[in-house]
Amino acid sequence: MTELDNFLSRLNSVADHSEIVERQETLSKKVTTAKLRYHLIDGSYVDVFVNIILDKYYYHWQRADGKIYRINNYPPEGWHEHLDTEDNRHPIKRIEPEDFFYKIKSILERKNARRKKRGTEAQRHKGNRG
């Protein structure tokens, strides 16, 4: 197996075990580069691009609300993350696929917990009026 194949195998294993990925598709794959898309349970998706030779990685979460969360190591900034928009970027340490999918899963879980809490509070308020 090549270095790219090893990375993609690890990436797919992480996605499969994340509990947030519904399906995966390979958008492109060449000898040293690949771009994959992971469709998530909330209707959003993650694109991952890798260039093994240039050591370039790109993790992009296109959220269902139109906002983005992206981590990449494209020059000139080195490793950095984009929060909600392309221009809102901050330096970070190198991130591995496990960390990226864990971060997204945590965000989705917090979002669902807030939604459930609002629903419970609305039901309680509705019951108190009756």
Protein backbone atom coordinates (compact mmCIF):
# COMPACT_ATOMS: atom_id res chain seq x y z
CA MET A 1 0.00 0.00 0.00
CA THR A 2 1.18 3.52 -0.78
CA GLU A 3 1.41 6.34 1.76
CA LEU A 4 -1.72 7.87 0.22
CA ASP A 5 -3.60 4.57 0.48
CA ASN A 6 -2.59 4.28 4.14
CA PHE A 7 -3.85 7.80 4.86
CA LEU A 8 -7.14 7.20 3.04
CA SER A 9 -7.68 3.89 4.79
CA ARG A 10 -7.15 5.56 8.16
CA LEU A 11 -9.38 8.48 7.16
CA ASN A 12 -12.22 6.18 6.07
CA SER A 13 -11.91 4.11 9.24
CA VAL A 14 -12.14 7.26 11.37
CA ALA A 15 -15.18 8.45 9.40
CA ASP A 16 -16.87 5.03 9.65
CA HIS A 17 -16.47 5.00 13.43
CA SER A 18 -17.40 8.65 13.97
CA GLU A 19 -21.17 7.94 14.10
CA ILE A 20 -21.84 11.15 12.14
CA VAL A 21 -21.08 10.03 8.57
CA GLU A 22 -23.95 8.69 6.45
CA ARG A 23 -21.95 8.01 3.30
CA GLN A 24 -18.62 8.66 1.63
CA GLU A 25 -17.67 9.37 -1.96
CA THR A 26 -14.33 9.74 -3.70
CA LEU A 27 -14.36 12.94 -5.74
CA SER A 28 -10.89 12.39 -7.19
CA LYS A 29 -7.91 10.14 -6.67
CA LYS A 30 -4.56 10.19 -8.41
CA VAL A 31 -1.20 8.70 -7.51
CA THR A 32 -0.33 11.23 -4.78
CA THR A 33 -3.54 13.24 -4.27
CA ALA A 34 -7.13 12.55 -3.34
CA LYS A 35 -10.33 14.42 -2.49
CA LEU A 36 -13.11 12.69 -0.59
CA ARG A 37 -16.53 13.86 0.55
CA TYR A 38 -18.30 12.64 3.67
CA HIS A 39 -22.05 13.32 3.93
CA LEU A 40 -23.05 13.86 7.56
CA ILE A 41 -26.23 12.99 9.43
CA ASP A 42 -27.33 16.65 9.71
CA GLY A 43 -27.25 17.29 5.93
CA SER A 44 -23.83 18.95 5.95
CA TYR A 45 -20.68 17.52 4.43
CA VAL A 46 -16.93 17.30 4.92
CA ASP A 47 -14.41 17.47 2.09
CA VAL A 48 -10.89 16.21 2.71
CA PHE A 49 -8.07 16.87 0.27
CA VAL A 50 -4.57 15.45 0.62
CA ASN A 51 -1.39 15.80 -1.40
CA ILE A 52 1.13 13.36 0.05
CA ILE A 53 4.13 14.64 -1.90
CA LEU A 54 3.61 18.29 -0.91
CA ASP A 55 2.37 17.36 2.61
CA LYS A 56 -0.80 19.44 2.11
CA TYR A 57 -4.03 18.69 3.94
CA TYR A 58 -7.42 20.36 3.73
CA TYR A 59 -10.38 19.53 5.96
CA HIS A 60 -13.51 21.49 5.06
CA TRP A 61 -16.87 21.21 6.81
CA GLN A 62 -19.67 22.89 4.87
CA ARG A 63 -22.33 23.28 7.51
CA ALA A 64 -26.04 23.04 6.77
CA ASP A 65 -26.46 26.69 7.85
CA GLY A 66 -23.99 27.83 5.16
CA LYS A 67 -21.11 28.51 7.54
CA ILE A 68 -17.78 26.78 7.14
CA TYR A 69 -15.24 25.21 9.41
CA ARG A 70 -11.95 24.54 7.67
CA ILE A 71 -8.50 23.45 8.72
CA ASN A 72 -5.60 23.37 6.30
CA ASN A 73 -1.89 23.89 6.00
CA TYR A 74 -1.80 25.81 2.73
CA PRO A 75 0.83 28.53 2.53
CA PRO A 76 1.63 31.11 3.56
CA GLU A 77 -0.02 30.64 6.98
CA GLY A 78 0.90 27.02 7.73
CA TRP A 79 -1.66 25.10 9.82
CA HIS A 80 -4.69 27.29 10.53
CA GLU A 81 -8.46 27.08 10.93
CA HIS A 82 -11.24 29.13 9.37
CA LEU A 83 -14.22 29.76 11.65
CA ASP A 84 -17.55 30.43 9.89
CA THR A 85 -16.00 32.41 7.01
CA GLU A 86 -12.95 32.26 4.75
CA ASP A 87 -11.44 35.42 6.25
CA ASN A 88 -11.78 34.47 9.92
CA ARG A 89 -8.61 32.37 10.31
CA HIS A 90 -6.48 31.45 13.30
CA PRO A 91 -3.22 29.51 13.59
CA ILE A 92 -3.40 26.03 15.13
CA LYS A 93 -1.22 22.97 15.59
CA ARG A 94 -1.27 20.16 13.03
CA ILE A 95 -4.50 18.19 13.16
CA GLU A 96 -5.13 14.55 12.34
CA PRO A 97 -8.35 13.10 10.84
CA GLU A 98 -9.39 11.69 14.23
CA ASP A 99 -9.20 15.16 15.78
CA PHE A 100 -11.14 16.81 12.96
CA PHE A 101 -14.04 14.33 13.01
CA TYR A 102 -14.10 14.36 16.82
CA LYS A 103 -14.37 18.15 16.79
CA ILE A 104 -17.27 18.07 14.33
CA LYS A 105 -19.02 15.33 16.31
CA SER A 106 -18.67 17.40 19.50
CA ILE A 107 -20.13 20.48 17.79
CA LEU A 108 -23.08 18.48 16.45
CA GLU A 109 -23.72 16.88 19.85
CA ARG A 110 -23.71 20.29 21.59
CA LYS A 111 -26.04 21.65 18.92
CA ASN A 112 -28.45 18.72 19.38
CA ALA A 113 -28.31 19.05 23.17
CA ARG A 114 -29.24 22.76 22.92
CA ARG A 115 -32.06 21.94 20.52
CA LYS A 116 -33.43 19.25 22.87
CA LYS A 117 -33.14 21.60 25.85
CA ARG A 118 -35.09 24.32 24.01
CA GLY A 119 -37.74 21.74 23.07
CA THR A 120 -38.06 20.54 26.68
CA GLU A 121 -38.28 24.12 27.97
CA ALA A 122 -40.93 24.96 25.37
CA GLN A 123 -42.99 21.88 26.38
CA ARG A 124 -42.67 22.80 30.05
CA HIS A 125 -43.73 26.39 29.34
CA LYS A 126 -46.65 25.17 27.25
CA GLY A 127 -47.72 22.80 30.06
CA ASN A 128 -47.63 25.60 32.63
CA ARG A 129 -49.99 27.71 30.53
CA GLY A 130 -52.58 24.98 30.23
